[in-house]
Amino acid sequence: MTNTKLLVGSLSNDLFRVASLKQRGADKAAPRFLREAKRWADPLATQSDKKYIREIAKKVMDADTTNISLDEAERYLMFGVLLQNHALHSN
């Protein structure tokens, strides 16, 4: 597994956690995983050869970790699906 694939997969997993925790009302745990997601997004914002991966990573880096809305959680879920598909189906 390449380093980029590992970063993409890890970011995807954390974004899924953020979305599911926020939906369940875990308002303290969701920001914790968003902070973790930023750790994976930081190198992807510059390293990824795919433009959409860089854009997702930059949006995650710019996200406010103190107050996550349900709309943002849905966006993170969508980002997680896109990233998971990339990690699973890219060469």
C-alpha atoms as a PDB file:
ATOM      1  CA  MET A   1       0.000   0.000   0.000  1.00  0.00           C
ATOM      2  CA  THR A   2       1.389   3.348  -0.955  1.00  0.00           C
ATOM      3  CA  ASN A   3       1.793   6.142   1.534  1.00  0.00           C
ATOM      4  CA  THR A   4      -0.836   8.241  -0.260  1.00  0.00           C
ATOM      5  CA  LYS A   5      -3.318   5.368  -0.212  1.00  0.00           C
ATOM      6  CA  LEU A   6      -2.762   4.931   3.503  1.00  0.00           C
ATOM      7  CA  LEU A   7      -3.340   8.649   4.102  1.00  0.00           C
ATOM      8  CA  VAL A   8      -6.488   8.661   1.954  1.00  0.00           C
ATOM      9  CA  GLY A   9      -7.903   5.583   3.693  1.00  0.00           C
ATOM     10  CA  SER A  10      -7.144   6.960   7.144  1.00  0.00           C
ATOM     11  CA  LEU A  11      -8.723  10.308   6.309  1.00  0.00           C
ATOM     12  CA  SER A  12     -11.781   8.517   4.951  1.00  0.00           C
ATOM     13  CA  ASN A  13     -12.205   6.482   8.141  1.00  0.00           C
ATOM     14  CA  ASP A  14     -11.933   9.529  10.385  1.00  0.00           C
ATOM     15  CA  LEU A  15     -14.438  11.472   8.271  1.00  0.00           C
ATOM     16  CA  PHE A  16     -16.887   8.554   8.555  1.00  0.00           C
ATOM     17  CA  ARG A  17     -16.423   8.659  12.328  1.00  0.00           C
ATOM     18  CA  VAL A  18     -17.057  12.406  12.442  1.00  0.00           C
ATOM     19  CA  ALA A  19     -20.282  12.021  10.469  1.00  0.00           C
ATOM     20  CA  SER A  20     -21.624   9.086  12.475  1.00  0.00           C
ATOM     21  CA  LEU A  21     -20.693  10.584  15.840  1.00  0.00           C
ATOM     22  CA  LYS A  22     -22.287  13.927  15.019  1.00  0.00           C
ATOM     23  CA  GLN A  23     -25.447  12.194  13.808  1.00  0.00           C
ATOM     24  CA  ARG A  24     -25.623  10.290  17.113  1.00  0.00           C
ATOM     25  CA  GLY A  25     -25.201  13.489  19.083  1.00  0.00           C
ATOM     26  CA  ALA A  26     -21.663  12.826  20.345  1.00  0.00           C
ATOM     27  CA  ASP A  27     -20.724  16.504  20.300  1.00  0.00           C
ATOM     28  CA  LYS A  28     -17.421  15.988  22.114  1.00  0.00           C
ATOM     29  CA  ALA A  29     -16.179  12.960  20.172  1.00  0.00           C
ATOM     30  CA  ALA A  30     -16.929  14.261  16.654  1.00  0.00           C
ATOM     31  CA  PRO A  31     -14.532  17.243  16.917  1.00  0.00           C
ATOM     32  CA  ARG A  32     -11.847  14.922  18.282  1.00  0.00           C
ATOM     33  CA  PHE A  33     -11.950  12.811  15.127  1.00  0.00           C
ATOM     34  CA  LEU A  34     -12.065  15.901  12.942  1.00  0.00           C
ATOM     35  CA  ARG A  35      -8.796  16.978  14.564  1.00  0.00           C
ATOM     36  CA  GLU A  36      -7.399  13.530  13.773  1.00  0.00           C
ATOM     37  CA  ALA A  37      -8.645  13.862  10.190  1.00  0.00           C
ATOM     38  CA  LYS A  38      -6.695  17.104   9.858  1.00  0.00           C
ATOM     39  CA  ARG A  39      -3.544  15.163  10.701  1.00  0.00           C
ATOM     40  CA  TRP A  40      -4.092  12.949   7.642  1.00  0.00           C
ATOM     41  CA  ALA A  41      -5.324  15.793   5.441  1.00  0.00           C
ATOM     42  CA  ASP A  42      -2.268  17.998   5.954  1.00  0.00           C
ATOM     43  CA  PRO A  43       0.170  15.969   3.801  1.00  0.00           C
ATOM     44  CA  LEU A  44      -2.547  15.139   1.247  1.00  0.00           C
ATOM     45  CA  ALA A  45      -3.235  18.822   0.623  1.00  0.00           C
ATOM     46  CA  THR A  46       0.150  19.044  -1.097  1.00  0.00           C
ATOM     47  CA  GLN A  47       1.160  15.449  -1.934  1.00  0.00           C
ATOM     48  CA  SER A  48      -1.801  14.030  -3.808  1.00  0.00           C
ATOM     49  CA  ASP A  49      -1.609  13.836  -7.578  1.00  0.00           C
ATOM     50  CA  LYS A  50      -5.413  14.043  -7.836  1.00  0.00           C
ATOM     51  CA  LYS A  51      -6.897  17.536  -7.713  1.00  0.00           C
ATOM     52  CA  TYR A  52     -10.136  16.469  -6.002  1.00  0.00           C
ATOM     53  CA  ILE A  53      -8.181  14.741  -3.216  1.00  0.00           C
ATOM     54  CA  ARG A  54      -6.175  17.934  -2.618  1.00  0.00           C
ATOM     55  CA  GLU A  55      -9.387  19.981  -2.560  1.00  0.00           C
ATOM     56  CA  ILE A  56     -11.048  17.660  -0.032  1.00  0.00           C
ATOM     57  CA  ALA A  57      -7.924  17.735   2.119  1.00  0.00           C
ATOM     58  CA  LYS A  58      -7.829  21.530   2.032  1.00  0.00           C
ATOM     59  CA  LYS A  59     -11.510  21.747   3.014  1.00  0.00           C
ATOM     60  CA  VAL A  60     -10.864  19.437   5.946  1.00  0.00           C
ATOM     61  CA  MET A  61      -7.840  21.515   6.966  1.00  0.00           C
ATOM     62  CA  ASP A  62      -9.967  24.683   6.906  1.00  0.00           C
ATOM     63  CA  ALA A  63     -12.813  23.131   8.929  1.00  0.00           C
ATOM     64  CA  ASP A  64     -13.794  24.502  12.326  1.00  0.00           C
ATOM     65  CA  THR A  65     -13.365  21.765  14.927  1.00  0.00           C
ATOM     66  CA  THR A  66     -15.318  23.517  17.665  1.00  0.00           C
ATOM     67  CA  ASN A  67     -18.800  23.413  16.146  1.00  0.00           C
ATOM     68  CA  ILE A  68     -19.765  20.802  13.556  1.00  0.00           C
ATOM     69  CA  SER A  69     -23.235  21.141  12.040  1.00  0.00           C
ATOM     70  CA  LEU A  70     -25.271  18.278  10.637  1.00  0.00           C
ATOM     71  CA  ASP A  71     -24.791  19.743   7.149  1.00  0.00           C
ATOM     72  CA  GLU A  72     -21.024  19.631   7.610  1.00  0.00           C
ATOM     73  CA  ALA A  73     -21.288  16.068   8.916  1.00  0.00           C
ATOM     74  CA  GLU A  74     -23.138  15.084   5.723  1.00  0.00           C
ATOM     75  CA  ARG A  75     -20.385  16.726   3.672  1.00  0.00           C
ATOM     76  CA  TYR A  76     -17.743  14.765   5.601  1.00  0.00           C
ATOM     77  CA  LEU A  77     -19.690  11.574   4.923  1.00  0.00           C
ATOM     78  CA  MET A  78     -19.673  12.353   1.180  1.00  0.00           C
ATOM     79  CA  PHE A  79     -15.941  13.146   1.321  1.00  0.00           C
ATOM     80  CA  GLY A  80     -15.362   9.852   3.144  1.00  0.00           C
ATOM     81  CA  VAL A  81     -17.139   7.888   0.404  1.00  0.00           C
ATOM     82  CA  LEU A  82     -15.169   9.624  -2.350  1.00  0.00           C
ATOM     83  CA  LEU A  83     -11.889   9.008  -0.548  1.00  0.00           C
ATOM     84  CA  GLN A  84     -12.750   5.386   0.211  1.00  0.00           C
ATOM     85  CA  ASN A  85     -13.550   4.751  -3.455  1.00  0.00           C
ATOM     86  CA  HIS A  86     -10.232   6.296  -4.438  1.00  0.00           C
ATOM     87  CA  ALA A  87      -8.306   4.173  -1.924  1.00  0.00           C
ATOM     88  CA  LEU A  88     -10.040   0.961  -2.975  1.00  0.00           C
ATOM     89  CA  HIS A  89     -10.081   1.398  -6.748  1.00  0.00           C
ATOM     90  CA  SER A  90      -6.963   3.343  -7.630  1.00  0.00           C
ATOM     91  CA  ASN A  91      -3.831   1.614  -8.877  1.00  0.00           C
END
